[in-house]
Protein backbone atom coordinates (compact mmCIF):
# COMPACT_ATOMS: atom_id res chain seq x y z
CA MET A 1 50.59 2.38 1.36
CA THR A 2 51.72 3.73 4.86
CA ILE A 3 52.66 6.97 5.54
CA HIS A 4 55.76 5.63 6.52
CA ARG A 5 56.40 4.60 2.79
CA ILE A 6 55.31 8.00 1.11
CA ARG A 7 57.15 10.61 3.62
CA LEU A 8 60.74 10.61 2.52
CA SER A 9 63.59 10.41 5.94
CA LYS A 10 65.75 13.40 5.75
CA MET A 11 68.96 11.09 4.47
CA GLN A 12 67.16 10.37 1.07
CA LYS A 13 65.99 14.25 1.01
CA ILE A 14 69.51 15.18 1.59
CA VAL A 15 70.76 12.84 -1.18
CA ASN A 16 68.14 13.78 -3.50
CA PHE A 17 69.17 17.37 -3.06
CA ILE A 18 73.08 16.32 -3.67
CA ALA A 19 71.98 13.67 -7.04
CA LEU A 20 70.05 17.61 -8.79
CA THR A 21 72.32 19.81 -7.45
CA SER A 22 75.33 17.39 -9.68
CA GLY A 23 73.33 17.31 -12.66
CA ALA A 24 73.06 21.33 -12.62
CA VAL A 25 76.23 21.50 -12.44
CA SER A 26 77.53 18.60 -14.88
CA LEU A 27 74.71 20.68 -17.33
CA ALA A 28 76.51 23.85 -16.87
CA VAL A 29 80.00 22.04 -17.59
CA VAL A 30 78.00 21.18 -20.69
CA ALA A 31 76.91 23.67 -21.86
CA SER A 32 80.11 26.27 -21.46
CA GLY A 33 81.85 23.80 -23.49
CA LEU A 34 79.89 23.95 -26.00
CA TYR A 35 79.30 27.67 -26.10
CA VAL A 36 83.21 27.82 -26.41
CA TYR A 37 83.13 25.05 -29.19
CA VAL A 38 81.06 26.92 -31.18
CA GLN A 39 82.54 30.30 -30.15
CA ARG A 40 86.00 29.34 -30.77
CA ASP A 41 86.95 31.79 -33.98
CA GLN A 42 85.67 34.97 -32.43
CA LEU A 43 87.08 34.54 -29.03
CA ILE A 44 90.39 33.85 -30.56
CA ASP A 45 89.87 36.51 -32.61
CA THR A 46 89.27 38.59 -29.49
CA VAL A 47 92.46 37.05 -27.74
CA LYS A 48 94.50 38.29 -30.44
CA GLN A 49 93.54 41.81 -31.54
CA GLN A 50 93.84 42.30 -27.42
CA ALA A 51 97.61 40.40 -27.26
CA LEU A 52 98.17 43.09 -30.27
CA GLU A 53 97.53 45.85 -28.22
CA ALA A 54 99.45 44.96 -25.22
CA VAL A 55 102.28 44.51 -27.17
CA LEU A 56 102.12 47.66 -29.58
CA GLY A 57 100.42 49.69 -26.35
CA GLY A 58 97.29 50.24 -28.78
CA SER A 59 98.89 51.77 -31.49
CA GLY A 60 97.34 49.84 -34.10
CA GLY A 61 100.55 49.37 -35.73
CA LEU A 62 104.34 49.41 -36.28
CA GLY A 63 104.04 53.48 -37.49
CA GLY A 64 103.19 54.46 -33.57
CA ALA A 65 106.02 52.07 -31.59
CA LEU A 66 108.98 53.20 -34.12
CA GLY A 67 107.98 56.28 -33.62
CA GLY A 68 107.98 58.76 -31.23
CA SER A 69 107.56 58.09 -27.68
CA SER A 70 104.05 60.14 -26.73
CA LEU A 71 106.69 61.07 -23.56
CA GLY A 72 109.11 63.39 -26.49
CA GLY A 73 112.18 61.85 -27.44
CA SER A 74 113.34 58.21 -29.08
CA ALA A 75 111.32 55.35 -28.39
CA LEU A 76 114.05 53.47 -28.01
CA PRO A 77 116.62 53.51 -26.15
CA THR A 78 120.11 53.86 -26.91
CA GLY A 79 122.14 53.08 -23.81
CA ALA A 80 124.59 55.64 -24.50
CA THR A 81 124.47 57.11 -20.96
CA ASP A 82 123.71 54.18 -18.90
CA LEU A 83 127.12 52.42 -20.09
CA SER A 84 129.21 54.96 -19.83
CA PRO A 85 131.61 54.56 -17.08
CA GLN A 86 133.57 57.91 -17.23
CA THR A 87 130.98 61.34 -15.46
CA ASN A 88 133.83 63.47 -17.76
CA PRO A 89 133.52 61.84 -21.84
CA ASP A 90 136.01 64.92 -23.07
CA ALA A 91 138.70 63.93 -20.86
CA ALA A 92 141.49 62.14 -22.13
CA PRO A 93 141.45 58.08 -21.06
CA GLN A 94 144.25 57.99 -18.15
CA ALA A 95 146.84 55.03 -18.17
CA ALA A 96 146.69 52.94 -15.38
CA ALA A 97 149.33 52.23 -12.76
CA PRO A 98 151.53 49.18 -12.62
CA ALA A 99 150.48 47.22 -9.70
CA LEU A 100 154.24 45.82 -9.05
CA PRO A 101 157.17 47.55 -9.02
CA VAL A 102 159.25 46.78 -11.53
CA THR A 103 163.11 46.43 -10.94
CA PHE A 104 165.90 45.45 -13.08
């Protein structure tokens, strides 16, 4: 054997590096897919718990959501104060004047 056949060219080293890197990435993808497949039930339960905590605010049940809020008062807004156009609710409603004069 000659010395030229034993030494690898720079291009061959680059190709070998890319091949090894590609194999490592493929192995990582297969391993993570296998992990997700094996642990799918536990992962689904964890996501369900996190979703329930996000929706219910960490109260753990409907009792905390339907009771009073932590800031005091009712947890459910009534909308009575922001929907009323009147500034004084005790005042009698005023009749609107006609837009055009009526002549007979």
